[in-house]
Amino acid sequence: MGMPGGVIAALIGLAGGVYTAMQSEWIIFSLFLGLFMVATSVTRYILMSHQASDRLEKLEKQMAEKE
């Protein structure tokens, strides 16, 4: 899914949740709420793993410069 897919899924979940709440369709609202919660968790996980990878590369580069 990746970072862009996670953001798009989160936005769809948020927009769908607002729309279905205004229409009082509570079953479908729960589905959009679930999509929003899963998409934000996946996006957060992907972002943290990318940041950790960048930090690791930076540390490896610093260790190589010291040698």
N, C-alpha and C. Protein backbone atom coordinates (compact mmCIF):
# COMPACT_ATOMS: atom_id res chain seq x y z
N MET A 1 0.84 -1.19 0.00
CA MET A 1 0.00 0.00 0.00
C MET A 1 0.88 1.24 0.00
N GLY A 2 1.90 1.26 0.81
CA GLY A 2 2.81 2.39 0.80
C GLY A 2 2.25 3.63 1.47
N MET A 3 3.09 4.62 1.53
CA MET A 3 2.72 5.87 2.19
C MET A 3 1.59 6.61 1.47
N PRO A 4 1.67 6.81 0.14
CA PRO A 4 0.57 7.51 -0.54
C PRO A 4 -0.76 6.76 -0.44
N GLY A 5 -0.71 5.45 -0.54
CA GLY A 5 -1.94 4.67 -0.43
C GLY A 5 -2.55 4.76 0.95
N GLY A 6 -1.71 4.80 1.98
CA GLY A 6 -2.21 4.93 3.34
C GLY A 6 -2.86 6.27 3.58
N VAL A 7 -2.27 7.32 3.04
CA VAL A 7 -2.84 8.66 3.20
C VAL A 7 -4.16 8.76 2.45
N ILE A 8 -4.20 8.21 1.24
CA ILE A 8 -5.44 8.25 0.46
C ILE A 8 -6.54 7.46 1.16
N ALA A 9 -6.19 6.27 1.68
CA ALA A 9 -7.19 5.47 2.39
C ALA A 9 -7.69 6.18 3.64
N ALA A 10 -6.80 6.87 4.35
CA ALA A 10 -7.21 7.61 5.55
C ALA A 10 -8.15 8.75 5.17
N LEU A 11 -7.85 9.46 4.09
CA LEU A 11 -8.72 10.55 3.66
C LEU A 11 -10.09 10.03 3.21
N ILE A 12 -10.10 8.89 2.52
CA ILE A 12 -11.38 8.30 2.11
C ILE A 12 -12.18 7.88 3.34
N GLY A 13 -11.50 7.28 4.32
CA GLY A 13 -12.18 6.89 5.54
C GLY A 13 -12.75 8.08 6.28
N LEU A 14 -11.99 9.16 6.36
CA LEU A 14 -12.45 10.36 7.05
C LEU A 14 -13.63 11.00 6.32
N ALA A 15 -13.50 11.16 5.01
CA ALA A 15 -14.58 11.78 4.24
C ALA A 15 -15.84 10.91 4.26
N GLY A 16 -15.66 9.61 4.10
CA GLY A 16 -16.80 8.71 4.13
C GLY A 16 -17.46 8.68 5.49
N GLY A 17 -16.66 8.77 6.55
CA GLY A 17 -17.21 8.81 7.90
C GLY A 17 -18.05 10.04 8.14
N VAL A 18 -17.56 11.18 7.69
CA VAL A 18 -18.33 12.42 7.87
C VAL A 18 -19.63 12.36 7.07
N TYR A 19 -19.54 11.89 5.83
CA TYR A 19 -20.74 11.83 4.98
C TYR A 19 -21.78 10.88 5.55
N THR A 20 -21.34 9.68 5.95
CA THR A 20 -22.32 8.71 6.46
C THR A 20 -22.86 9.11 7.82
N ALA A 21 -22.09 9.84 8.62
CA ALA A 21 -22.61 10.33 9.90
C ALA A 21 -23.70 11.37 9.66
N MET A 22 -23.51 12.21 8.65
CA MET A 22 -24.54 13.21 8.34
C MET A 22 -25.80 12.56 7.80
N GLN A 23 -25.66 11.42 7.12
CA GLN A 23 -26.81 10.71 6.56
C GLN A 23 -27.42 9.72 7.57
N SER A 24 -26.80 9.59 8.73
CA SER A 24 -27.24 8.68 9.80
C SER A 24 -27.24 7.22 9.36
N GLU A 25 -26.24 6.83 8.60
CA GLU A 25 -26.05 5.43 8.20
C GLU A 25 -24.95 4.85 9.08
N TRP A 26 -25.33 4.33 10.23
CA TRP A 26 -24.36 4.00 11.27
C TRP A 26 -23.57 2.73 10.98
N ILE A 27 -24.13 1.79 10.25
CA ILE A 27 -23.41 0.56 9.91
C ILE A 27 -22.26 0.90 8.95
N ILE A 28 -22.55 1.65 7.93
CA ILE A 28 -21.52 2.04 6.97
C ILE A 28 -20.53 2.99 7.63
N PHE A 29 -21.00 3.83 8.55
CA PHE A 29 -20.10 4.71 9.29
C PHE A 29 -19.05 3.91 10.03
N SER A 30 -19.45 2.80 10.63
CA SER A 30 -18.48 1.98 11.37
C SER A 30 -17.44 1.39 10.43
N LEU A 31 -17.82 1.06 9.20
CA LEU A 31 -16.86 0.55 8.22
C LEU A 31 -15.84 1.63 7.83
N PHE A 32 -16.33 2.83 7.58
CA PHE A 32 -15.43 3.93 7.24
C PHE A 32 -14.53 4.29 8.43
N LEU A 33 -15.06 4.22 9.63
CA LEU A 33 -14.26 4.48 10.81
C LEU A 33 -13.15 3.43 10.94
N GLY A 34 -13.49 2.17 10.68
CA GLY A 34 -12.49 1.11 10.71
C GLY A 34 -11.41 1.32 9.65
N LEU A 35 -11.81 1.71 8.45
CA LEU A 35 -10.85 2.00 7.38
C LEU A 35 -9.92 3.13 7.80
N PHE A 36 -10.49 4.17 8.38
CA PHE A 36 -9.68 5.31 8.83
C PHE A 36 -8.66 4.88 9.88
N MET A 37 -9.10 4.09 10.84
CA MET A 37 -8.21 3.68 11.92
C MET A 37 -7.09 2.76 11.42
N VAL A 38 -7.41 1.84 10.53
CA VAL A 38 -6.39 0.95 9.99
C VAL A 38 -5.42 1.72 9.10
N ALA A 39 -5.94 2.61 8.26
CA ALA A 39 -5.07 3.35 7.34
C ALA A 39 -4.12 4.27 8.09
N THR A 40 -4.59 4.93 9.15
CA THR A 40 -3.69 5.81 9.89
C THR A 40 -2.62 5.01 10.62
N SER A 41 -2.96 3.83 11.12
CA SER A 41 -1.97 2.99 11.78
C SER A 41 -0.91 2.50 10.80
N VAL A 42 -1.35 2.07 9.63
CA VAL A 42 -0.41 1.59 8.61
C VAL A 42 0.49 2.72 8.15
N THR A 43 -0.08 3.89 7.92
CA THR A 43 0.71 5.03 7.48
C THR A 43 1.74 5.42 8.54
N ARG A 44 1.34 5.42 9.79
CA ARG A 44 2.26 5.75 10.87
C ARG A 44 3.40 4.74 10.96
N TYR A 45 3.08 3.46 10.82
CA TYR A 45 4.10 2.41 10.86
C TYR A 45 5.09 2.57 9.72
N ILE A 46 4.59 2.83 8.52
CA ILE A 46 5.46 3.00 7.36
C ILE A 46 6.36 4.22 7.54
N LEU A 47 5.82 5.31 8.04
CA LEU A 47 6.60 6.52 8.26
C LEU A 47 7.70 6.28 9.28
N MET A 48 7.38 5.57 10.37
CA MET A 48 8.39 5.29 11.39
C MET A 48 9.49 4.38 10.86
N SER A 49 9.14 3.40 10.03
CA SER A 49 10.16 2.50 9.49
C SER A 49 11.06 3.23 8.50
N HIS A 50 10.51 4.17 7.73
CA HIS A 50 11.34 4.97 6.82
C HIS A 50 12.30 5.86 7.61
N GLN A 51 11.82 6.46 8.69
CA GLN A 51 12.68 7.31 9.51
C GLN A 51 13.80 6.49 10.16
N ALA A 52 13.47 5.30 10.62
CA ALA A 52 14.49 4.45 11.23
C ALA A 52 15.53 4.03 10.21
N SER A 53 15.10 3.74 9.00
CA SER A 53 16.04 3.38 7.94
C SER A 53 16.96 4.55 7.61
N ASP A 54 16.41 5.76 7.55
CA ASP A 54 17.23 6.94 7.27
C ASP A 54 18.26 7.17 8.38
N ARG A 55 17.85 6.99 9.63
CA ARG A 55 18.78 7.16 10.75
C ARG A 55 19.89 6.13 10.72
N LEU A 56 19.53 4.90 10.38
CA LEU A 56 20.52 3.84 10.30
C LEU A 56 21.54 4.13 9.21
N GLU A 57 21.08 4.58 8.05
CA GLU A 57 21.99 4.94 6.97
C GLU A 57 22.91 6.08 7.39
N LYS A 58 22.38 7.05 8.12
CA LYS A 58 23.19 8.17 8.58
C LYS A 58 24.27 7.69 9.55
N LEU A 59 23.91 6.80 10.47
CA LEU A 59 24.89 6.25 11.41
C LEU A 59 25.95 5.42 10.69
N GLU A 60 25.55 4.63 9.71
CA GLU A 60 26.50 3.84 8.95
C GLU A 60 27.47 4.74 8.19
N LYS A 61 26.96 5.84 7.66
CA LYS A 61 27.82 6.78 6.95
C LYS A 61 28.82 7.42 7.90
N GLN A 62 28.38 7.77 9.10
CA GLN A 62 29.28 8.37 10.09
C GLN A 62 30.35 7.38 10.52
N MET A 63 29.99 6.11 10.69
CA MET A 63 30.96 5.08 11.08
C MET A 63 31.99 4.86 9.96
N ALA A 64 31.54 4.92 8.71
CA ALA A 64 32.46 4.74 7.59
C ALA A 64 33.43 5.91 7.48
N GLU A 65 32.98 7.11 7.82
CA GLU A 65 33.86 8.28 7.76
C GLU A 65 34.93 8.24 8.84
N LYS A 66 34.61 7.65 9.99
CA LYS A 66 35.56 7.59 11.09
C LYS A 66 36.67 6.57 10.82
N GLU A 67 36.39 5.58 9.99
CA GLU A 67 37.39 4.54 9.72
C GLU A 67 38.40 4.97 8.73
